[in-house]
C-alpha cells in the first residue's frame, strides 16, 4: 500500500519559496508592469528538475562553476512569474478572480519554460472558459499560437476557424497592426479566407503605415516621395500576395490608385490594361469614375504627345528628369509622372539672347533647361528649383539685376542620350544618361543679367547670343561630375525652358 502526502509536501516547498532559505538563484521580473518590480529568491535544484529550460540555464551552478546566479526576466510581469514559481515549487495553481490576459501570459511563459503539463492545461482552460476574450484578442492569440509555439494546437484551430469564416475579426482589430510581417503574410496568403481581395489590400496598407515611425497624413496626396518609398519597402514581401486581378475597376480607382507609387511599374501597367479592357468578372466603372481614372493616369501625358511639346526631348526623357527631381530610387512609370512640363521659352520661337531668357524666366522657380549641342546631337540640361534671379520680385518692374550666387542642394545638371541614337549594345537607354548633382550648394547658380542660365558658374554656362557664338560651355567645378567630355565652348541648335508644375 502506498500513501501520498502531497498536500503537506506542496505546502512546505511553497514556504521554501516564500522564505528563500538556502537560495542560490535570484530572478528579477516585472520591470514596467503594473504590479512593479519583484525579486524572487529561488533554488537551482528545484528549478532545474522541474523545467528543462532551467536545467540548461542553471547548468553552471550544477557543475560548480558558479555558486550564485542572477536571472533577469524583466519582460515577464511579476504576478505571472509568481504564479509560475508557485506551480514549480508546490504544484498548485489558482485562477480565481484572475483576468484572462494573466492566464494567457502564464500559458505563454509556461510553454517557454518547458512546463508542458501546465501549458497544455491552461490552453484548454482558456478555450473552455474564456472564448469571448479569445475572440476579442484574436490577433494576440493568433500570433502566440502560430509563431511563438508549436504546441497550442487547440488555440491554433480556434483561430483558423474564426479567421477563415470571419476574417474581419482579425483585420479590423487595432492589434492587427502590431503583428509581425511573417504572421501577416501567413494570414493574407491563405486560400480559404472568406474575404474580398480589396480588404486584404486595405489591411496591409494599414499595417504598413503603422510600421512607419513618422506620423503620416491621412491623405496620400499629401505624402512625400520618401513616404511612399518607405511604405513600398515595408510591404515588399507582402505585395506579391495580393491578387490584383480580383479587384473591380471601382476598387482600382478608389483603393489602389492613391498608392500606385508603391507598386512596380509593370504591375501598375498591368492593372491599367485591365481597366482599358475589363475582364468579364469585373465591375465596370461608372462613366465619371472611368473618366477620372483616365485623367489621373494619362492626364499629364496628353500634351507631351504633341509635336509642340518639345523639339529636343521625348516623353522618356521627361520621365527620367521627373525621377531625378524627386530623387526616386526607381524610375517613374510613364503613366504616373507627377508633373506637367510647361514650355516657357524656345530659342527658335523667342530668340537666343540672354535678355530674352531673363525677361521670361527670372521670376519663375522650378524650371528645367534642355539644349541641343550643334553638330553633335548631344542633349544637355539642368534643373533649378529656385528663381533664376533670387533678388527678383514677382513684378518685372521691381526686378533687381544684381550679380549673385544662389544656394540650393536640390539642383542638378545632366546629359541625355539623343532620342534617335542607335544603341547596339542592348543597354537600357538611361544607362547612357549622366546625372550630376550640386556638390557645393552655396555655388549652385550664378546670376548675371549679361549671361543666360549658369549652373555653378562653369559646370553648364550659357553666355549671350547662344546660337551665333560659341558662348556655351561645360567645365566641372561645383557639381559632382562633368556632363560632357570636352571643356571647349560650343554653339547650340536649340534650347528650351520648362516650368515644372505639380499635376492637378
Foldseek 3Di string as FASTA:
>chain_A
DDDDPQQVQLVVLLVCFVVLPPFQEWEWEAVPHPVHIDITGHHLVLLLVQFVLSVVVCVCCVVVVDRHYYHYHHVQHPVLVVQVVSCSRRVDHDCVPNDLVSLVSNLLVCVVRVNVVSNVVSLVVCVVPPVVVCLQPVLVLCLCCPPSDVPSPVSPVVSVVCCLVPVCSLQVDPCVLVHDPVSLQVSLLDPRHPDQLLSNLVSLLVSLQSVDPDDDDPQLVPDALVVLVSSLVSCVPPVVSRDLLRAAPVSCQPPVVSNVSSDDLVVVVVNVVCLVVPDPVHDHDDPVSNVVVCCQFCVLCPVQPDPVNDPFDHLVVVQVVLCLLRVPPDTDDSRHRFWHWAWQDKCVVQNFFQLSQCVGQQQAAFKKKWFAFPPPLKIKIKTGRHGQQNQQDPDPVRGDQDKDAAFDQRMKMKIADRPPDDDVVPDDRCVPMDIWTFPARRQQFIGHSQFHGAGSNAQWTGGGRQAPDLRIFHDDDGIDDRRDPDGGGGHTPMMTMTHIGGHD
